[in-house]
Amino acid sequence: MGQAKVKQLRAKTCYLCGKPLQGPTSADHVPPKLFFPETKGLDLLTIPAHPGCNLSYQLDEEYFVHTLLPMTKGSAAGDAQHVRVRRKMDAGKNVALVNMVMDEFKHVVKGVHLPATRVAKLIDHARFFRVLWKIIRGLHYHHSGVILPEEWGMRYWITARYEPPEEFFKMYAESGREVIHGAYPKVFSYFFDRFKPENLNMQYWGFHLWDSIIITAMFHDPTCGCEDCQFVGPQFPEAMAGTIKIPR
C-alpha cells in the first residue's frame, strides 16, 4: 500500500470498526494512556477513532492494567503505577476493581492447596484478550495502514518478571530478528514479526510492560487470504498453565 493511500485511509477510517470517520473523532491512545504513570511532557501515539468505539474499551483497559499490576512490584515503572492506583483508591475510585483483581489470586485451585510461595493468578480472558487485540490492531494499523478484524483467533502468553518466558520467545530472542519499538521502553515496548512455517502465515507480537511483564501473542495473519482466514470469531486461550511465584 502506497504511503499516500495509507495516510488517506488513516484520515477517513476508524481502525476499530472499519467504518468512515464522520463527525467528531476521538484521539485513541495506543497503548492506552493509563499505561503511563505520568503523561506530562510525553509524546504518546494516538490514532483517530469514533468516540463511541474508543470509549467502549475503557473499562476493559482499566481491568487489563489492574490485573497485571500485582506482578510489577519492584520495577520503577511498576511501583509508580502502584502509587497512581493508590491515589485513585484514596479518592474513592476503582476500589471495587482492585478488590476484584485481588480475588483473582488463589492459593487453592480445584481443591489443591499450593505451596506457601506459589499463587495462581486467574484472569478474565475475554476482557484481557479484547484489550490485547485492540493494542495489536492499533499498532498494526499504525505501521501498515491495514485494519485487522475486530474479532480474530489468537494465542497469548503472560510472563511475570520472575518466571521463565515461553519457549518460542526464548528461541526468537536468540535469533537476532527482534526489532524493538517504543519511545518509552521502561513502560511499554514491543516487537512484531511474520513467519510462514509450512505454508502458514503467522504474526508474532511481543510486549514488555513496566519493565516487568512480557506478553507474547501469535495469530494467523488475517490478510493472507487462505481458507482458514474465512473464520471470524475469538478463540480464547485456556487458563494459564502453572502458577505464579510470589516474590519475596
Foldseek 3Di string as FASTA:
>chain_A
DDPVVLVVLQQFAALQARHGDDDDWDFAFQVHPLLFLDCPPPDTHTGTHHPVSRVVLVVLSVLLCLLCLVLQPPFPRSVSSVVSVVVCVVVVPCPVSNVVSVVQWAQADPNDGHPPQWIAGWDPQVSNVQSVVVSVQVVCCVVPVDRDDSFFEKDKDKDWQPGDDDDVVVVVVVPPPWDKDDPDQLAKIKTKDWDQPPNFIKIKMWMQGNVTMIMIMMHGDLPPPDPVNVDGHYDGDDTDPDTDGDDD
